[in-house]
């Protein structure tokens, strides 16, 4: 016999917190969009660094500043309801950071070579 307000194992239901449900497909889509934005922005900022003639450490600092700017723009776009789109803010800042670095270096060295070497 069940008692009112009790679960199957005798736990009070009033003390149980509802768990948040996430759509796995929506999370994958949002992460794919985040990856696309970061890759595109990395290519664009790499080309910018190449045109500006940045070399060595200044070029890498430019990448991390541009990546931080991209993350801030994404958080600004999501607004105060960022929790509806991503599980954590940290993921917005770190997702695709190293993959974007390779794209950045590729476009940076290519454009630098085309503008300043040839």
PDB file of N, CA and C in Angstrom:
ATOM      1  N   UNK A   1       0.822  -1.175   0.000  1.00  0.00           N
ATOM      2  CA  UNK A   1       0.000   0.000   0.000  1.00  0.00           C
ATOM      3  C   UNK A   1       0.873   1.249   0.000  1.00  0.00           C
ATOM      4  N   UNK A   2       0.576   2.192  -0.879  1.00  0.00           N
ATOM      5  CA  UNK A   2       1.346   3.430  -0.963  1.00  0.00           C
ATOM      6  C   UNK A   2       0.777   4.475  -0.038  1.00  0.00           C
ATOM      7  N   UNK A   3       1.665   5.226   0.538  1.00  0.00           N
ATOM      8  CA  UNK A   3       1.233   6.328   1.380  1.00  0.00           C
ATOM      9  C   UNK A   3       1.265   7.595   0.548  1.00  0.00           C
ATOM     10  N   UNK A   4       0.457   8.534   0.883  1.00  0.00           N
ATOM     11  CA  UNK A   4       0.408   9.800   0.152  1.00  0.00           C
ATOM     12  C   UNK A   4       1.709  10.556   0.362  1.00  0.00           C
ATOM     13  N   UNK A   5       2.262  11.064  -0.745  1.00  0.00           N
ATOM     14  CA  UNK A   5       3.486  11.848  -0.664  1.00  0.00           C
ATOM     15  C   UNK A   5       4.753  11.015  -0.603  1.00  0.00           C
ATOM     16  N   UNK A   6       4.655   9.728  -0.777  1.00  0.00           N
ATOM     17  CA  UNK A   6       5.824   8.864  -0.723  1.00  0.00           C
ATOM     18  C   UNK A   6       6.071   8.247  -2.093  1.00  0.00           C
ATOM     19  N   UNK A   7       7.327   8.065  -2.451  1.00  0.00           N
ATOM     20  CA  UNK A   7       7.696   7.433  -3.709  1.00  0.00           C
ATOM     21  C   UNK A   7       7.702   5.924  -3.559  1.00  0.00           C
ATOM     22  N   UNK A   8       8.193   5.223  -4.566  1.00  0.00           N
ATOM     23  CA  UNK A   8       8.220   3.764  -4.549  1.00  0.00           C
ATOM     24  C   UNK A   8       9.102   3.218  -3.446  1.00  0.00           C
ATOM     25  N   UNK A   9      10.135   3.874  -3.125  1.00  0.00           N
ATOM     26  CA  UNK A   9      11.076   3.363  -2.125  1.00  0.00           C
ATOM     27  C   UNK A   9      10.894   4.033  -0.771  1.00  0.00           C
ATOM     28  N   UNK A  10       9.824   4.710  -0.592  1.00  0.00           N
ATOM     29  CA  UNK A  10       9.558   5.335   0.686  1.00  0.00           C
ATOM     30  C   UNK A  10      10.207   6.702   0.855  1.00  0.00           C
ATOM     31  N   UNK A  11      10.726   7.284  -0.214  1.00  0.00           N
ATOM     32  CA  UNK A  11      11.332   8.609  -0.140  1.00  0.00           C
ATOM     33  C   UNK A  11      10.256   9.669  -0.273  1.00  0.00           C
ATOM     34  N   UNK A  12      10.400  10.718   0.456  1.00  0.00           N
ATOM     35  CA  UNK A  12       9.439  11.807   0.334  1.00  0.00           C
ATOM     36  C   UNK A  12       9.660  12.512  -0.990  1.00  0.00           C
ATOM     37  N   UNK A  13       8.612  12.697  -1.746  1.00  0.00           N
ATOM     38  CA  UNK A  13       8.711  13.322  -3.047  1.00  0.00           C
ATOM     39  C   UNK A  13       8.931  14.823  -2.954  1.00  0.00           C
ATOM     40  N   UNK A  14       8.569  15.417  -1.830  1.00  0.00           N
ATOM     41  CA  UNK A  14       8.726  16.864  -1.704  1.00  0.00           C
ATOM     42  C   UNK A  14      10.197  17.267  -1.609  1.00  0.00           C
ATOM     43  N   UNK A  15      11.072  16.350  -1.196  1.00  0.00           N
ATOM     44  CA  UNK A  15      12.492  16.660  -1.071  1.00  0.00           C
ATOM     45  C   UNK A  15      13.269  16.367  -2.350  1.00  0.00           C
ATOM     46  N   UNK A  16      12.641  15.723  -3.304  1.00  0.00           N
ATOM     47  CA  UNK A  16      13.332  15.395  -4.551  1.00  0.00           C
ATOM     48  C   UNK A  16      13.307  16.605  -5.476  1.00  0.00           C
ATOM     49  N   UNK A  17      14.451  16.922  -6.024  1.00  0.00           N
ATOM     50  CA  UNK A  17      14.548  18.049  -6.944  1.00  0.00           C
ATOM     51  C   UNK A  17      14.355  17.547  -8.367  1.00  0.00           C
ATOM     52  N   UNK A  18      13.606  18.291  -9.164  1.00  0.00           N
ATOM     53  CA  UNK A  18      13.457  17.863 -10.566  1.00  0.00           C
ATOM     54  C   UNK A  18      14.770  18.070 -11.319  1.00  0.00           C
ATOM     55  N   UNK A  19      15.112  17.111 -12.149  1.00  0.00           N
ATOM     56  CA  UNK A  19      16.333  17.216 -12.938  1.00  0.00           C
ATOM     57  C   UNK A  19      16.028  17.913 -14.248  1.00  0.00           C
ATOM     58  N   UNK A  20      17.009  18.689 -14.708  1.00  0.00           N
ATOM     59  CA  UNK A  20      16.838  19.377 -15.980  1.00  0.00           C
ATOM     60  C   UNK A  20      17.051  18.387 -17.110  1.00  0.00           C
ATOM     61  N   UNK A  21      16.202  18.479 -18.109  1.00  0.00           N
ATOM     62  CA  UNK A  21      16.324  17.603 -19.270  1.00  0.00           C
ATOM     63  C   UNK A  21      16.937  18.387 -20.420  1.00  0.00           C
ATOM     64  N   UNK A  22      17.904  17.776 -21.082  1.00  0.00           N
ATOM     65  CA  UNK A  22      18.554  18.395 -22.227  1.00  0.00           C
ATOM     66  C   UNK A  22      18.296  17.543 -23.458  1.00  0.00           C
ATOM     67  N   UNK A  23      18.114  18.198 -24.566  1.00  0.00           N
ATOM     68  CA  UNK A  23      17.978  17.496 -25.833  1.00  0.00           C
ATOM     69  C   UNK A  23      19.374  17.272 -26.399  1.00  0.00           C
ATOM     70  N   UNK A  24      19.729  16.013 -26.573  1.00  0.00           N
ATOM     71  CA  UNK A  24      21.056  15.685 -27.077  1.00  0.00           C
ATOM     72  C   UNK A  24      21.263  16.223 -28.489  1.00  0.00           C
ATOM     73  N   UNK A  25      20.228  16.165 -29.308  1.00  0.00           N
ATOM     74  CA  UNK A  25      20.333  16.677 -30.683  1.00  0.00           C
ATOM     75  C   UNK A  25      20.543  18.192 -30.691  1.00  0.00           C
ATOM     76  N   UNK A  26      19.853  18.903 -29.818  1.00  0.00           N
ATOM     77  CA  UNK A  26      20.006  20.360 -29.749  1.00  0.00           C
ATOM     78  C   UNK A  26      21.399  20.744 -29.256  1.00  0.00           C
ATOM     79  N   UNK A  27      21.921  20.006 -28.297  1.00  0.00           N
ATOM     80  CA  UNK A  27      23.260  20.286 -27.784  1.00  0.00           C
ATOM     81  C   UNK A  27      24.303  20.044 -28.865  1.00  0.00           C
ATOM     82  N   UNK A  28      24.157  18.948 -29.622  1.00  0.00           N
ATOM     83  CA  UNK A  28      25.094  18.677 -30.712  1.00  0.00           C
ATOM     84  C   UNK A  28      25.024  19.761 -31.781  1.00  0.00           C
ATOM     85  N   UNK A  29      23.816  20.220 -32.093  1.00  0.00           N
ATOM     86  CA  UNK A  29      23.657  21.282 -33.090  1.00  0.00           C
ATOM     87  C   UNK A  29      24.301  22.578 -32.612  1.00  0.00           C
ATOM     88  N   UNK A  30      24.071  22.942 -31.361  1.00  0.00           N
ATOM     89  CA  UNK A  30      24.673  24.164 -30.813  1.00  0.00           C
ATOM     90  C   UNK A  30      26.193  24.077 -30.786  1.00  0.00           C
ATOM     91  N   UNK A  31      26.725  22.908 -30.441  1.00  0.00           N
ATOM     92  CA  UNK A  31      28.179  22.741 -30.440  1.00  0.00           C
ATOM     93  C   UNK A  31      28.750  22.798 -31.851  1.00  0.00           C
ATOM     94  N   UNK A  32      28.012  22.278 -32.833  1.00  0.00           N
ATOM     95  CA  UNK A  32      28.466  22.360 -34.227  1.00  0.00           C
ATOM     96  C   UNK A  32      28.473  23.809 -34.708  1.00  0.00           C
ATOM     97  N   UNK A  33      27.469  24.573 -34.328  1.00  0.00           N
ATOM     98  CA  UNK A  33      27.423  25.995 -34.689  1.00  0.00           C
ATOM     99  C   UNK A  33      28.562  26.749 -34.009  1.00  0.00           C
ATOM    100  N   UNK A  34      28.817  26.428 -32.754  1.00  0.00           N
ATOM    101  CA  UNK A  34      29.927  27.041 -32.024  1.00  0.00           C
ATOM    102  C   UNK A  34      31.258  26.727 -32.703  1.00  0.00           C
ATOM    103  N   UNK A  35      31.438  25.492 -33.123  1.00  0.00           N
ATOM    104  CA  UNK A  35      32.667  25.087 -33.815  1.00  0.00           C
ATOM    105  C   UNK A  35      32.815  25.812 -35.152  1.00  0.00           C
ATOM    106  N   UNK A  36      31.717  25.953 -35.887  1.00  0.00           N
ATOM    107  CA  UNK A  36      31.748  26.656 -37.169  1.00  0.00           C
ATOM    108  C   UNK A  36      32.115  28.129 -36.973  1.00  0.00           C
ATOM    109  N   UNK A  37      31.503  28.768 -35.985  1.00  0.00           N
ATOM    110  CA  UNK A  37      31.806  30.182 -35.708  1.00  0.00           C
ATOM    111  C   UNK A  37      33.269  30.363 -35.331  1.00  0.00           C
ATOM    112  N   UNK A  38      33.765  29.486 -34.467  1.00  0.00           N
ATOM    113  CA  UNK A  38      35.151  29.618 -34.021  1.00  0.00           C
ATOM    114  C   UNK A  38      36.126  29.363 -35.171  1.00  0.00           C
ATOM    115  N   UNK A  39      35.850  28.376 -36.015  1.00  0.00           N
ATOM    116  CA  UNK A  39      36.739  28.089 -37.142  1.00  0.00           C
ATOM    117  C   UNK A  39      36.740  29.241 -38.144  1.00  0.00           C
ATOM    118  N   UNK A  40      35.564  29.765 -38.446  1.00  0.00           N
ATOM    119  CA  UNK A  40      35.473  30.890 -39.386  1.00  0.00           C
ATOM    120  C   UNK A  40      36.188  32.120 -38.842  1.00  0.00           C
ATOM    121  N   UNK A  41      35.969  32.406 -37.577  1.00  0.00           N
ATOM    122  CA  UNK A  41      36.598  33.569 -36.960  1.00  0.00           C
ATOM    123  C   UNK A  41      38.109  33.389 -36.862  1.00  0.00           C
ATOM    124  N   UNK A  42      38.561  32.154 -36.666  1.00  0.00           N
ATOM    125  CA  UNK A  42      40.001  31.890 -36.618  1.00  0.00           C
ATOM    126  C   UNK A  42      40.647  32.150 -37.968  1.00  0.00           C
ATOM    127  N   UNK A  43      39.985  31.729 -39.035  1.00  0.00           N
ATOM    128  CA  UNK A  43      40.515  32.000 -40.372  1.00  0.00           C
ATOM    129  C   UNK A  43      40.563  33.483 -40.669  1.00  0.00           C
ATOM    130  N   UNK A  44      39.507  34.184 -40.304  1.00  0.00           N
ATOM    131  CA  UNK A  44      39.449  35.629 -40.534  1.00  0.00           C
ATOM    132  C   UNK A  44      40.489  36.377 -39.701  1.00  0.00           C
ATOM    133  N   UNK A  45      40.632  36.005 -38.444  1.00  0.00           N
ATOM    134  CA  UNK A  45      41.616  36.693 -37.603  1.00  0.00           C
ATOM    135  C   UNK A  45      43.042  36.324 -38.012  1.00  0.00           C
ATOM    136  N   UNK A  46      43.249  35.115 -38.520  1.00  0.00           N
ATOM    137  CA  UNK A  46      44.568  34.747 -39.036  1.00  0.00           C
ATOM    138  C   UNK A  46      44.941  35.571 -40.250  1.00  0.00           C
ATOM    139  N   UNK A  47      43.968  35.779 -41.140  1.00  0.00           N
ATOM    140  CA  UNK A  47      44.218  36.624 -42.310  1.00  0.00           C
ATOM    141  C   UNK A  47      44.497  38.062 -41.882  1.00  0.00           C
ATOM    142  N   UNK A  48      43.793  38.530 -40.876  1.00  0.00           N
ATOM    143  CA  UNK A  48      44.022  39.883 -40.362  1.00  0.00           C
ATOM    144  C   UNK A  48      45.427  40.015 -39.776  1.00  0.00           C
ATOM    145  N   UNK A  49      45.842  38.999 -39.012  1.00  0.00           N
ATOM    146  CA  UNK A  49      47.194  39.028 -38.441  1.00  0.00           C
ATOM    147  C   UNK A  49      48.249  38.996 -39.535  1.00  0.00           C
ATOM    148  N   UNK A  50      47.983  38.276 -40.612  1.00  0.00           N
ATOM    149  CA  UNK A  50      48.920  38.235 -41.730  1.00  0.00           C
ATOM    150  C   UNK A  50      49.032  39.565 -42.434  1.00  0.00           C
ATOM    151  N   UNK A  51      47.906  40.226 -42.646  1.00  0.00           N
ATOM    152  CA  UNK A  51      47.919  41.541 -43.294  1.00  0.00           C
ATOM    153  C   UNK A  51      48.617  42.567 -42.403  1.00  0.00           C
ATOM    154  N   UNK A  52      48.380  42.476 -41.096  1.00  0.00           N
ATOM    155  CA  UNK A  52      49.021  43.412 -40.164  1.00  0.00           C
ATOM    156  C   UNK A  52      50.515  43.152 -40.011  1.00  0.00           C
ATOM    157  N   UNK A  53      50.973  41.992 -40.446  1.00  0.00           N
ATOM    158  CA  UNK A  53      52.393  41.670 -40.358  1.00  0.00           C
ATOM    159  C   UNK A  53      52.839  41.227 -38.984  1.00  0.00           C
ATOM    160  N   UNK A  54      51.934  40.671 -38.200  1.00  0.00           N
ATOM    161  CA  UNK A  54      52.299  40.210 -36.862  1.00  0.00           C
ATOM    162  C   UNK A  54      53.183  38.978 -36.967  1.00  0.00           C
ATOM    163  N   UNK A  55      54.183  38.902 -36.123  1.00  0.00           N
ATOM    164  CA  UNK A  55      55.085  37.752 -36.120  1.00  0.00           C
ATOM    165  C   UNK A  55      55.266  37.246 -34.700  1.00  0.00           C
ATOM    166  N   UNK A  56      55.649  35.994 -34.608  1.00  0.00           N
ATOM    167  CA  UNK A  56      56.020  35.323 -33.366  1.00  0.00           C
ATOM    168  C   UNK A  56      54.950  35.454 -32.280  1.00  0.00           C
ATOM    169  N   UNK A  57      55.352  35.920 -31.129  1.00  0.00           N
ATOM    170  CA  UNK A  57      54.471  35.951 -29.968  1.00  0.00           C
ATOM    171  C   UNK A  57      53.288  36.896 -30.155  1.00  0.00           C
ATOM    172  N   UNK A  58      53.492  37.991 -30.868  1.00  0.00           N
ATOM    173  CA  UNK A  58      52.397  38.938 -31.095  1.00  0.00           C
ATOM    174  C   UNK A  58      51.259  38.287 -31.883  1.00  0.00           C
ATOM    175  N   UNK A  59      51.598  37.422 -32.801  1.00  0.00           N
ATOM    176  CA  UNK A  59      50.577  36.720 -33.573  1.00  0.00           C
ATOM    177  C   UNK A  59      49.757  35.780 -32.711  1.00  0.00           C
ATOM    178  N   UNK A  60      50.399  35.060 -31.805  1.00  0.00           N
ATOM    179  CA  UNK A  60      49.672  34.144 -30.931  1.00  0.00           C
ATOM    180  C   UNK A  60      48.837  34.897 -29.898  1.00  0.00           C
ATOM    181  N   UNK A  61      49.352  35.993 -29.404  1.00  0.00           N
ATOM    182  CA  UNK A  61      48.567  36.824 -28.485  1.00  0.00           C
ATOM    183  C   UNK A  61      47.334  37.357 -29.198  1.00  0.00           C
ATOM    184  N   UNK A  62      47.497  37.753 -30.448  1.00  0.00           N
ATOM    185  CA  UNK A  62      46.364  38.227 -31.243  1.00  0.00           C
ATOM    186  C   UNK A  62      45.300  37.143 -31.377  1.00  0.00           C
ATOM    187  N   UNK A  63      45.725  35.879 -31.553  1.00  0.00           N
ATOM    188  CA  UNK A  63      44.756  34.782 -31.661  1.00  0.00           C
ATOM    189  C   UNK A  63      43.946  34.634 -30.380  1.00  0.00           C
ATOM    190  N   UNK A  64      44.613  34.637 -29.247  1.00  0.00           N
ATOM    191  CA  UNK A  64      43.890  34.427 -27.994  1.00  0.00           C
ATOM    192  C   UNK A  64      42.991  35.614 -27.652  1.00  0.00           C
ATOM    193  N   UNK A  65      43.392  36.813 -28.003  1.00  0.00           N
ATOM    194  CA  UNK A  65      42.526  37.983 -27.810  1.00  0.00           C
ATOM    195  C   UNK A  65      41.314  37.893 -28.738  1.00  0.00           C
ATOM    196  N   UNK A  66      41.541  37.503 -29.991  1.00  0.00           N
ATOM    197  CA  UNK A  66      40.434  37.353 -30.936  1.00  0.00           C
ATOM    198  C   UNK A  66      39.499  36.231 -30.505  1.00  0.00           C
ATOM    199  N   UNK A  67      40.047  35.152 -29.967  1.00  0.00           N
ATOM    200  CA  UNK A  67      39.226  34.042 -29.487  1.00  0.00           C
ATOM    201  C   UNK A  67      38.386  34.462 -28.282  1.00  0.00           C
ATOM    202  N   UNK A  68      38.973  35.244 -27.391  1.00  0.00           N
ATOM    203  CA  UNK A  68      38.227  35.767 -26.248  1.00  0.00           C
ATOM    204  C   UNK A  68      37.107  36.685 -26.718  1.00  0.00           C
ATOM    205  N   UNK A  69      37.392  37.520 -27.701  1.00  0.00           N
ATOM    206  CA  UNK A  69      36.374  38.403 -28.270  1.00  0.00           C
ATOM    207  C   UNK A  69      35.232  37.590 -28.881  1.00  0.00           C
ATOM    208  N   UNK A  70      35.572  36.520 -29.593  1.00  0.00           N
ATOM    209  CA  UNK A  70      34.551  35.667 -30.197  1.00  0.00           C
ATOM    210  C   UNK A  70      33.669  35.030 -29.125  1.00  0.00           C
ATOM    211  N   UNK A  71      34.274  34.558 -28.057  1.00  0.00           N
ATOM    212  CA  UNK A  71      33.509  33.954 -26.969  1.00  0.00           C
ATOM    213  C   UNK A  71      32.589  34.971 -26.303  1.00  0.00           C
ATOM    214  N   UNK A  72      33.087  36.183 -26.098  1.00  0.00           N
ATOM    215  CA  UNK A  72      32.254  37.226 -25.498  1.00  0.00           C
ATOM    216  C   UNK A  72      31.088  37.603 -26.407  1.00  0.00           C
ATOM    217  N   UNK A  73      31.332  37.635 -27.711  1.00  0.00           N
ATOM    218  CA  UNK A  73      30.244  37.918 -28.653  1.00  0.00           C
ATOM    219  C   UNK A  73      29.186  36.816 -28.637  1.00  0.00           C
ATOM    220  N   UNK A  74      29.622  35.563 -28.506  1.00  0.00           N
ATOM    221  CA  UNK A  74      28.666  34.458 -28.434  1.00  0.00           C
ATOM    222  C   UNK A  74      27.840  34.517 -27.153  1.00  0.00           C
ATOM    223  N   UNK A  75      28.476  34.864 -26.045  1.00  0.00           N
ATOM    224  CA  UNK A  75      27.738  34.991 -24.784  1.00  0.00           C
ATOM    225  C   UNK A  75      26.784  36.173 -24.851  1.00  0.00           C
ATOM    226  N   UNK A  76      27.215  37.255 -25.479  1.00  0.00           N
ATOM    227  CA  UNK A  76      26.345  38.418 -25.661  1.00  0.00           C
ATOM    228  C   UNK A  76      25.138  38.051 -26.517  1.00  0.00           C
ATOM    229  N   UNK A  77      25.366  37.260 -27.561  1.00  0.00           N
ATOM    230  CA  UNK A  77      24.273  36.831 -28.437  1.00  0.00           C
ATOM    231  C   UNK A  77      23.295  35.931 -27.686  1.00  0.00           C
ATOM    232  N   UNK A  78      23.812  35.029 -26.860  1.00  0.00           N
ATOM    233  CA  UNK A  78      22.942  34.127 -26.100  1.00  0.00           C
ATOM    234  C   UNK A  78      22.188  34.880 -25.010  1.00  0.00           C
ATOM    235  N   UNK A  79      22.754  35.964 -24.526  1.00  0.00           N
ATOM    236  CA  UNK A  79      22.093  36.771 -23.508  1.00  0.00           C
ATOM    237  C   UNK A  79      22.065  36.093 -22.153  1.00  0.00           C
ATOM    238  N   UNK A  80      21.116  36.486 -21.350  1.00  0.00           N
ATOM    239  CA  UNK A  80      21.015  35.926 -20.002  1.00  0.00           C
ATOM    240  C   UNK A  80      20.470  34.505 -20.009  1.00  0.00           C
ATOM    241  N   UNK A  81      19.960  34.057 -21.136  1.00  0.00           N
ATOM    242  CA  UNK A  81      19.416  32.696 -21.216  1.00  0.00           C
ATOM    243  C   UNK A  81      20.411  31.735 -21.860  1.00  0.00           C
ATOM    244  N   UNK A  82      21.712  31.940 -21.618  1.00  0.00           N
ATOM    245  CA  UNK A  82      22.732  31.068 -22.197  1.00  0.00           C
ATOM    246  C   UNK A  82      22.552  29.633 -21.734  1.00  0.00           C
ATOM    247  N   UNK A  83      21.987  29.425 -20.565  1.00  0.00           N
ATOM    248  CA  UNK A  83      21.767  28.083 -20.032  1.00  0.00           C
ATOM    249  C   UNK A  83      20.803  27.251 -20.857  1.00  0.00           C
ATOM    250  N   UNK A  84      19.988  27.906 -21.670  1.00  0.00           N
ATOM    251  CA  UNK A  84      19.070  27.173 -22.545  1.00  0.00           C
ATOM    252  C   UNK A  84      19.796  26.558 -23.729  1.00  0.00           C
ATOM    253  N   UNK A  85      20.956  27.091 -24.073  1.00  0.00           N
ATOM    254  CA  UNK A  85      21.661  26.665 -25.277  1.00  0.00           C
ATOM    255  C   UNK A  85      22.908  25.835 -24.995  1.00  0.00           C
ATOM    256  N   UNK A  86      23.543  26.061 -23.844  1.00  0.00           N
ATOM    257  CA  UNK A  86      24.779  25.359 -23.505  1.00  0.00           C
ATOM    258  C   UNK A  86      24.712  24.906 -22.056  1.00  0.00           C
ATOM    259  N   UNK A  87      25.435  23.835 -21.745  1.00  0.00           N
ATOM    260  CA  UNK A  87      25.442  23.329 -20.380  1.00  0.00           C
ATOM    261  C   UNK A  87      26.282  24.206 -19.452  1.00  0.00           C
ATOM    262  N   UNK A  88      27.347  24.796 -19.987  1.00  0.00           N
ATOM    263  CA  UNK A  88      28.190  25.656 -19.154  1.00  0.00           C
ATOM    264  C   UNK A  88      28.802  26.768 -19.996  1.00  0.00           C
ATOM    265  N   UNK A  89      29.118  27.863 -19.345  1.00  0.00           N
ATOM    266  CA  UNK A  89      29.777  28.970 -20.046  1.00  0.00           C
ATOM    267  C   UNK A  89      31.211  28.610 -20.411  1.00  0.00           C
ATOM    268  N   UNK A  90      31.829  27.791 -19.594  1.00  0.00           N
ATOM    269  CA  UNK A  90      33.208  27.401 -19.842  1.00  0.00           C
ATOM    270  C   UNK A  90      33.348  26.721 -21.194  1.00  0.00           C
ATOM    271  N   UNK A  91      32.336  25.967 -21.598  1.00  0.00           N
ATOM    272  CA  UNK A  91      32.361  25.280 -22.894  1.00  0.00           C
ATOM    273  C   UNK A  91      32.375  26.290 -24.041  1.00  0.00           C
ATOM    274  N   UNK A  92      31.709  27.415 -23.865  1.00  0.00           N
ATOM    275  CA  UNK A  92      31.707  28.447 -24.908  1.00  0.00           C
ATOM    276  C   UNK A  92      33.117  29.008 -25.092  1.00  0.00           C
ATOM    277  N   UNK A  93      33.853  29.157 -23.997  1.00  0.00           N
ATOM    278  CA  UNK A  93      35.199  29.724 -24.075  1.00  0.00           C
ATOM    279  C   UNK A  93      36.238  28.730 -24.587  1.00  0.00           C
ATOM    280  N   UNK A  94      36.064  27.437 -24.285  1.00  0.00           N
ATOM    281  CA  UNK A  94      37.124  26.476 -24.591  1.00  0.00           C
ATOM    282  C   UNK A  94      36.836  25.565 -25.775  1.00  0.00           C
ATOM    283  N   UNK A  95      35.612  25.476 -26.206  1.00  0.00           N
ATOM    284  CA  UNK A  95      35.274  24.549 -27.288  1.00  0.00           C
ATOM    285  C   UNK A  95      35.946  24.969 -28.595  1.00  0.00           C
ATOM    286  N   UNK A  96      36.732  24.079 -29.162  1.00  0.00           N
ATOM    287  CA  UNK A  96      37.369  24.336 -30.444  1.00  0.00           C
ATOM    288  C   UNK A  96      38.532  25.299 -30.399  1.00  0.00           C
ATOM    289  N   UNK A  97      39.057  25.559 -29.223  1.00  0.00           N
ATOM    290  CA  UNK A  97      40.145  26.532 -29.095  1.00  0.00           C
ATOM    291  C   UNK A  97      41.417  26.053 -29.802  1.00  0.00           C
ATOM    292  N   UNK A  98      41.793  24.807 -29.605  1.00  0.00           N
ATOM    293  CA  UNK A  98      43.013  24.294 -30.241  1.00  0.00           C
ATOM    294  C   UNK A  98      42.795  24.012 -31.726  1.00  0.00           C
ATOM    295  N   UNK A  99      41.621  23.538 -32.105  1.00  0.00           N
ATOM    296  CA  UNK A  99      41.325  23.334 -33.520  1.00  0.00           C
ATOM    297  C   UNK A  99      41.326  24.642 -34.286  1.00  0.00           C
ATOM    298  N   UNK A 100      40.835  25.682 -33.657  1.00  0.00           N
ATOM    299  CA  UNK A 100      40.857  27.006 -34.264  1.00  0.00           C
ATOM    300  C   UNK A 100      42.264  27.555 -34.392  1.00  0.00           C
ATOM    301  N   UNK A 101      43.143  27.136 -33.492  1.00  0.00           N
ATOM    302  CA  UNK A 101      44.534  27.595 -33.551  1.00  0.00           C
ATOM    303  C   UNK A 101      45.215  27.112 -34.829  1.00  0.00           C
ATOM    304  N   UNK A 102      44.935  25.886 -35.238  1.00  0.00           N
ATOM    305  CA  UNK A 102      45.535  25.362 -36.473  1.00  0.00           C
ATOM    306  C   UNK A 102      45.036  26.129 -37.693  1.00  0.00           C
ATOM    307  N   UNK A 103      43.750  26.431 -37.719  1.00  0.00           N
ATOM    308  CA  UNK A 103      43.193  27.219 -38.818  1.00  0.00           C
ATOM    309  C   UNK A 103      43.797  28.614 -38.826  1.00  0.00           C
ATOM    310  N   UNK A 104      43.947  29.181 -37.650  1.00  0.00           N
ATOM    311  CA  UNK A 104      44.537  30.515 -37.516  1.00  0.00           C
ATOM    312  C   UNK A 104      45.964  30.549 -38.063  1.00  0.00           C
ATOM    313  N   UNK A 105      46.782  29.600 -37.636  1.00  0.00           N
ATOM    314  CA  UNK A 105      48.184  29.583 -38.068  1.00  0.00           C
ATOM    315  C   UNK A 105      48.277  29.374 -39.576  1.00  0.00           C
ATOM    316  N   UNK A 106      47.428  28.525 -40.122  1.00  0.00           N
ATOM    317  CA  UNK A 106      47.436  28.286 -41.564  1.00  0.00           C
ATOM    318  C   UNK A 106      47.138  29.566 -42.343  1.00  0.00           C
ATOM    319  N   UNK A 107      46.055  30.251 -41.983  1.00  0.00           N
ATOM    320  CA  UNK A 107      45.697  31.472 -42.714  1.00  0.00           C
ATOM    321  C   UNK A 107      46.663  32.615 -42.402  1.00  0.00           C
ATOM    322  N   UNK A 108      47.169  32.664 -41.181  1.00  0.00           N
ATOM    323  CA  UNK A 108      48.132  33.697 -40.787  1.00  0.00           C
ATOM    324  C   UNK A 108      49.405  33.608 -41.620  1.00  0.00           C
ATOM    325  N   UNK A 109      49.985  32.409 -41.697  1.00  0.00           N
ATOM    326  CA  UNK A 109      51.234  32.263 -42.446  1.00  0.00           C
ATOM    327  C   UNK A 109      51.018  32.418 -43.949  1.00  0.00           C
ATOM    328  N   UNK A 110      49.888  31.958 -44.448  1.00  0.00           N
ATOM    329  CA  UNK A 110      49.612  32.090 -45.883  1.00  0.00           C
ATOM    330  C   UNK A 110      49.485  33.556 -46.284  1.00  0.00           C
ATOM    331  N   UNK A 111      48.654  34.295 -45.567  1.00  0.00           N
ATOM    332  CA  UNK A 111      48.438  35.702 -45.915  1.00  0.00           C
ATOM    333  C   UNK A 111      49.695  36.523 -45.641  1.00  0.00           C
ATOM    334  N   UNK A 112      50.396  36.233 -44.562  1.00  0.00           N
ATOM    335  CA  UNK A 112      51.651  36.943 -44.284  1.00  0.00           C
ATOM    336  C   UNK A 112      52.646  36.732 -45.426  1.00  0.00           C
ATOM    337  N   UNK A 113      52.745  35.504 -45.898  1.00  0.00           N
ATOM    338  CA  UNK A 113      53.650  35.210 -47.006  1.00  0.00           C
ATOM    339  C   UNK A 113      53.236  35.898 -48.291  1.00  0.00           C
ATOM    340  N   UNK A 114      51.948  35.970 -48.552  1.00  0.00           N
ATOM    341  CA  UNK A 114      51.467  36.603 -49.779  1.00  0.00           C
ATOM    342  C   UNK A 114      51.640  38.122 -49.744  1.00  0.00           C
ATOM    343  N   UNK A 115      51.467  38.722 -48.589  1.00  0.00           N
ATOM    344  CA  UNK A 115      51.507  40.187 -48.494  1.00  0.00           C
ATOM    345  C   UNK A 115      52.921  40.705 -48.255  1.00  0.00           C
ATOM    346  N   UNK A 116      53.641  40.098 -47.332  1.00  0.00           N
ATOM    347  CA  UNK A 116      54.913  40.680 -46.901  1.00  0.00           C
ATOM    348  C   UNK A 116      56.148  40.024 -47.513  1.00  0.00           C
ATOM    349  N   UNK A 117      56.025  38.818 -48.035  1.00  0.00           N
ATOM    350  CA  UNK A 117      57.195  38.144 -48.592  1.00  0.00           C
ATOM    351  C   UNK A 117      57.254  38.326 -50.095  1.00  0.00           C
ATOM    352  N   UNK A 118      56.130  38.180 -50.783  1.00  0.00           N
ATOM    353  CA  UNK A 118      56.134  38.241 -52.256  1.00  0.00           C
ATOM    354  C   UNK A 118      55.794  39.607 -52.770  1.00  0.00           C
TER     355      UNK A 118
END
